[in-house]
Amino acid sequence: MDVIHTPMDKDFRADVKAIEQVCVIMNNSARISIIIIIIIIIIIIIIIIIIIIIIIIIIIIIIIIIIIIIIIIIIIIILPLLLLLIIIIISVIII
């Protein structure tokens, strides 16, 4: 059985080629979209990690400052008391 090529067959083949090209373009753009989405997710994760590190550093600095302030307050409160104790001991020894 011979295949008879009509002008419609040529149009159909051209349509199929056009559809194939569209599919290839869509496939490539889908790959590019997936790559872009992965890059954006990686960037977001990196930003979140940096923010967490900055927050941890700030918390550590605040804790260190609070400890220093507490030590200073203890020194300010205890030094006069120690001096008073020394004075009392010396006066008791003298008397």
N, C-alpha and C. Protein backbone atom coordinates (compact mmCIF):
# COMPACT_ATOMS: atom_id res chain seq x y z
N MET A 1 0.85 -1.18 0.00
CA MET A 1 0.00 0.00 0.00
C MET A 1 0.89 1.24 0.00
N ASP A 2 0.73 2.04 -1.01
CA ASP A 2 1.55 3.25 -1.12
C ASP A 2 0.98 4.35 -0.25
N VAL A 3 1.90 5.14 0.32
CA VAL A 3 1.47 6.30 1.10
C VAL A 3 1.38 7.48 0.13
N ILE A 4 0.21 8.08 0.12
CA ILE A 4 0.01 9.24 -0.75
C ILE A 4 0.21 10.48 0.11
N HIS A 5 1.16 11.32 -0.31
CA HIS A 5 1.42 12.56 0.44
C HIS A 5 0.54 13.65 -0.12
N THR A 6 -0.28 14.15 0.74
CA THR A 6 -1.14 15.27 0.36
C THR A 6 -0.55 16.54 0.95
N PRO A 7 -0.97 17.68 0.48
CA PRO A 7 -0.49 18.94 1.09
C PRO A 7 -0.79 18.99 2.60
N MET A 8 -1.88 18.30 3.03
CA MET A 8 -2.22 18.32 4.45
C MET A 8 -1.17 17.58 5.28
N ASP A 9 -0.58 16.50 4.69
CA ASP A 9 0.46 15.77 5.40
C ASP A 9 1.65 16.68 5.70
N LYS A 10 2.03 17.50 4.72
CA LYS A 10 3.15 18.42 4.93
C LYS A 10 2.81 19.43 6.03
N ASP A 11 1.58 19.95 6.02
CA ASP A 11 1.16 20.88 7.08
C ASP A 11 1.21 20.19 8.44
N PHE A 12 0.74 18.94 8.46
CA PHE A 12 0.72 18.19 9.72
C PHE A 12 2.14 17.99 10.24
N ARG A 13 3.06 17.61 9.30
CA ARG A 13 4.46 17.43 9.72
C ARG A 13 5.04 18.75 10.24
N ALA A 14 4.72 19.84 9.58
CA ALA A 14 5.21 21.15 10.04
C ALA A 14 4.65 21.46 11.43
N ASP A 15 3.36 21.13 11.63
CA ASP A 15 2.76 21.35 12.96
C ASP A 15 3.45 20.51 14.02
N VAL A 16 3.73 19.25 13.69
CA VAL A 16 4.41 18.36 14.65
C VAL A 16 5.79 18.91 14.98
N LYS A 17 6.53 19.38 13.97
CA LYS A 17 7.86 19.96 14.21
C LYS A 17 7.75 21.18 15.11
N ALA A 18 6.75 22.04 14.85
CA ALA A 18 6.55 23.24 15.66
C ALA A 18 6.24 22.85 17.10
N ILE A 19 5.39 21.84 17.28
CA ILE A 19 5.04 21.38 18.63
C ILE A 19 6.27 20.80 19.32
N GLU A 20 7.09 20.05 18.59
CA GLU A 20 8.32 19.50 19.16
C GLU A 20 9.25 20.62 19.64
N GLN A 21 9.39 21.67 18.81
CA GLN A 21 10.25 22.78 19.19
C GLN A 21 9.72 23.46 20.44
N VAL A 22 8.40 23.64 20.51
CA VAL A 22 7.80 24.27 21.70
C VAL A 22 8.08 23.40 22.93
N CYS A 23 7.95 22.07 22.77
CA CYS A 23 8.22 21.16 23.89
C CYS A 23 9.67 21.27 24.34
N VAL A 24 10.60 21.33 23.39
CA VAL A 24 12.02 21.46 23.75
C VAL A 24 12.26 22.76 24.50
N ILE A 25 11.66 23.85 23.99
CA ILE A 25 11.83 25.16 24.64
C ILE A 25 11.24 25.12 26.05
N MET A 26 10.04 24.52 26.19
CA MET A 26 9.41 24.44 27.51
C MET A 26 10.24 23.58 28.46
N ASN A 27 10.80 22.50 27.95
CA ASN A 27 11.64 21.63 28.77
C ASN A 27 12.87 22.39 29.27
N ASN A 28 13.52 23.11 28.36
CA ASN A 28 14.70 23.90 28.74
C ASN A 28 14.33 24.97 29.76
N SER A 29 13.21 25.66 29.53
CA SER A 29 12.81 26.71 30.47
C SER A 29 12.44 26.11 31.82
N ALA A 30 11.88 24.89 31.82
CA ALA A 30 11.56 24.23 33.09
C ALA A 30 12.85 23.91 33.84
N ARG A 31 13.87 23.44 33.13
CA ARG A 31 15.17 23.17 33.77
C ARG A 31 15.75 24.46 34.36
N ILE A 32 15.71 25.52 33.57
CA ILE A 32 16.24 26.81 34.05
C ILE A 32 15.46 27.27 35.27
N SER A 33 14.13 27.11 35.25
CA SER A 33 13.32 27.51 36.39
C SER A 33 13.69 26.72 37.64
N ILE A 34 13.89 25.41 37.48
CA ILE A 34 14.26 24.58 38.63
C ILE A 34 15.62 25.02 39.17
N ILE A 35 16.56 25.29 38.28
CA ILE A 35 17.90 25.74 38.72
C ILE A 35 17.78 27.06 39.48
N ILE A 36 16.98 28.00 38.95
CA ILE A 36 16.79 29.30 39.61
C ILE A 36 16.15 29.10 40.98
N ILE A 37 15.15 28.24 41.07
CA ILE A 37 14.48 27.98 42.36
C ILE A 37 15.48 27.40 43.36
N ILE A 38 16.31 26.45 42.91
CA ILE A 38 17.31 25.85 43.81
C ILE A 38 18.29 26.91 44.28
N ILE A 39 18.75 27.78 43.37
CA ILE A 39 19.69 28.85 43.76
C ILE A 39 19.04 29.78 44.78
N ILE A 40 17.77 30.15 44.55
CA ILE A 40 17.07 31.04 45.49
C ILE A 40 16.94 30.37 46.86
N ILE A 41 16.60 29.07 46.88
CA ILE A 41 16.49 28.35 48.16
C ILE A 41 17.83 28.33 48.88
N ILE A 42 18.93 28.07 48.14
CA ILE A 42 20.26 28.06 48.76
C ILE A 42 20.60 29.43 49.34
N ILE A 43 20.29 30.50 48.58
CA ILE A 43 20.57 31.86 49.06
C ILE A 43 19.76 32.14 50.33
N ILE A 44 18.48 31.73 50.35
CA ILE A 44 17.64 31.95 51.53
C ILE A 44 18.21 31.20 52.73
N ILE A 45 18.64 29.96 52.51
CA ILE A 45 19.22 29.17 53.62
C ILE A 45 20.48 29.84 54.14
N ILE A 46 21.34 30.33 53.23
CA ILE A 46 22.57 31.01 53.66
C ILE A 46 22.24 32.26 54.46
N ILE A 47 21.25 33.04 54.01
CA ILE A 47 20.85 34.26 54.72
C ILE A 47 20.33 33.91 56.11
N ILE A 48 19.50 32.84 56.20
CA ILE A 48 18.97 32.43 57.50
C ILE A 48 20.11 32.01 58.43
N ILE A 49 21.08 31.26 57.91
CA ILE A 49 22.22 30.83 58.74
C ILE A 49 23.01 32.05 59.23
N ILE A 50 23.24 33.02 58.33
CA ILE A 50 23.97 34.24 58.72
C ILE A 50 23.21 34.99 59.80
N ILE A 51 21.88 35.11 59.65
CA ILE A 51 21.06 35.81 60.65
C ILE A 51 21.14 35.09 61.99
N ILE A 52 21.06 33.75 61.97
CA ILE A 52 21.15 32.98 63.21
C ILE A 52 22.51 33.19 63.88
N ILE A 53 23.58 33.18 63.08
CA ILE A 53 24.93 33.39 63.64
C ILE A 53 25.03 34.79 64.26
N ILE A 54 24.49 35.80 63.57
CA ILE A 54 24.52 37.18 64.10
C ILE A 54 23.74 37.25 65.41
N ILE A 55 22.55 36.61 65.45
CA ILE A 55 21.74 36.62 66.68
C ILE A 55 22.50 35.94 67.82
N ILE A 56 23.15 34.81 67.54
CA ILE A 56 23.92 34.11 68.57
C ILE A 56 25.06 34.99 69.08
N ILE A 57 25.76 35.66 68.16
CA ILE A 57 26.86 36.55 68.55
C ILE A 57 26.34 37.69 69.43
N ILE A 58 25.20 38.28 69.03
CA ILE A 58 24.61 39.38 69.82
C ILE A 58 24.23 38.87 71.21
N ILE A 59 23.64 37.68 71.29
CA ILE A 59 23.25 37.11 72.59
C ILE A 59 24.49 36.89 73.46
N ILE A 60 25.56 36.36 72.86
CA ILE A 60 26.80 36.12 73.62
C ILE A 60 27.37 37.45 74.13
N ILE A 61 27.37 38.47 73.27
CA ILE A 61 27.88 39.80 73.68
C ILE A 61 27.04 40.35 74.83
N ILE A 62 25.70 40.22 74.72
CA ILE A 62 24.81 40.72 75.78
C ILE A 62 25.10 39.97 77.09
N ILE A 63 25.26 38.65 77.02
CA ILE A 63 25.55 37.86 78.22
C ILE A 63 26.88 38.31 78.84
N ILE A 64 27.90 38.52 78.01
CA ILE A 64 29.21 38.97 78.52
C ILE A 64 29.07 40.34 79.20
N ILE A 65 28.32 41.26 78.56
CA ILE A 65 28.11 42.59 79.15
C ILE A 65 27.39 42.48 80.49
N ILE A 66 26.35 41.63 80.55
CA ILE A 66 25.61 41.45 81.81
C ILE A 66 26.53 40.89 82.90
N ILE A 67 27.37 39.91 82.53
CA ILE A 67 28.31 39.33 83.51
C ILE A 67 29.28 40.40 84.00
N ILE A 68 29.80 41.21 83.09
CA ILE A 68 30.74 42.28 83.48
C ILE A 68 30.04 43.28 84.41
N ILE A 69 28.79 43.65 84.08
CA ILE A 69 28.04 44.59 84.93
C ILE A 69 27.82 43.99 86.32
N ILE A 70 27.46 42.71 86.37
CA ILE A 70 27.25 42.04 87.66
C ILE A 70 28.55 42.03 88.47
N ILE A 71 29.67 41.73 87.82
CA ILE A 71 30.97 41.71 88.51
C ILE A 71 31.29 43.11 89.05
N ILE A 72 31.04 44.13 88.24
CA ILE A 72 31.31 45.52 88.67
C ILE A 72 30.44 45.88 89.87
N ILE A 73 29.15 45.49 89.79
CA ILE A 73 28.23 45.79 90.90
C ILE A 73 28.70 45.06 92.16
N ILE A 74 29.09 43.81 92.03
CA ILE A 74 29.57 43.04 93.18
C ILE A 74 30.82 43.71 93.77
N ILE A 75 31.73 44.13 92.90
CA ILE A 75 32.96 44.81 93.37
C ILE A 75 32.59 46.10 94.08
N ILE A 76 31.66 46.87 93.52
CA ILE A 76 31.26 48.16 94.11
C ILE A 76 30.60 47.92 95.47
N ILE A 77 29.82 46.84 95.60
CA ILE A 77 29.13 46.56 96.86
C ILE A 77 30.10 45.93 97.87
N ILE A 78 30.94 45.01 97.44
CA ILE A 78 31.77 44.24 98.36
C ILE A 78 33.00 45.04 98.82
N LEU A 79 33.58 45.86 97.96
CA LEU A 79 34.79 46.61 98.33
C LEU A 79 34.57 47.50 99.55
N PRO A 80 33.52 48.31 99.57
CA PRO A 80 33.29 49.13 100.78
C PRO A 80 33.07 48.26 102.03
N LEU A 81 32.36 47.14 101.83
CA LEU A 81 32.12 46.24 102.96
C LEU A 81 33.44 45.65 103.45
N LEU A 82 34.30 45.28 102.52
CA LEU A 82 35.61 44.74 102.90
C LEU A 82 36.44 45.80 103.63
N LEU A 83 36.40 47.00 103.09
CA LEU A 83 37.12 48.09 103.74
C LEU A 83 36.58 48.32 105.15
N LEU A 84 35.27 48.31 105.29
CA LEU A 84 34.65 48.48 106.59
C LEU A 84 35.06 47.35 107.54
N LEU A 85 35.09 46.14 107.01
CA LEU A 85 35.49 44.98 107.82
C LEU A 85 36.95 45.13 108.27
N ILE A 86 37.80 45.55 107.34
CA ILE A 86 39.22 45.74 107.67
C ILE A 86 39.35 46.82 108.75
N ILE A 87 38.64 47.91 108.60
CA ILE A 87 38.69 49.00 109.59
C ILE A 87 38.22 48.49 110.96
N ILE A 88 37.14 47.73 110.95
CA ILE A 88 36.62 47.18 112.22
C ILE A 88 37.65 46.25 112.85
N ILE A 89 38.26 45.38 112.05
CA ILE A 89 39.26 44.44 112.58
C ILE A 89 40.45 45.21 113.14
N ILE A 90 40.91 46.21 112.41
CA ILE A 90 42.06 47.00 112.87
C ILE A 90 41.71 47.73 114.17
N SER A 91 40.53 48.33 114.23
CA SER A 91 40.13 49.06 115.45
C SER A 91 39.98 48.11 116.64
N VAL A 92 39.48 46.87 116.36
CA VAL A 92 39.36 45.89 117.45
C VAL A 92 40.76 45.48 117.92
N ILE A 93 41.68 45.30 116.99
CA ILE A 93 43.05 44.92 117.35
C ILE A 93 43.70 46.05 118.15
N ILE A 94 43.49 47.29 117.74
CA ILE A 94 44.09 48.44 118.42
C ILE A 94 43.49 48.57 119.83
N ILE A 95 42.22 48.40 119.93
CA ILE A 95 41.56 48.52 121.24
C ILE A 95 41.92 47.30 122.07
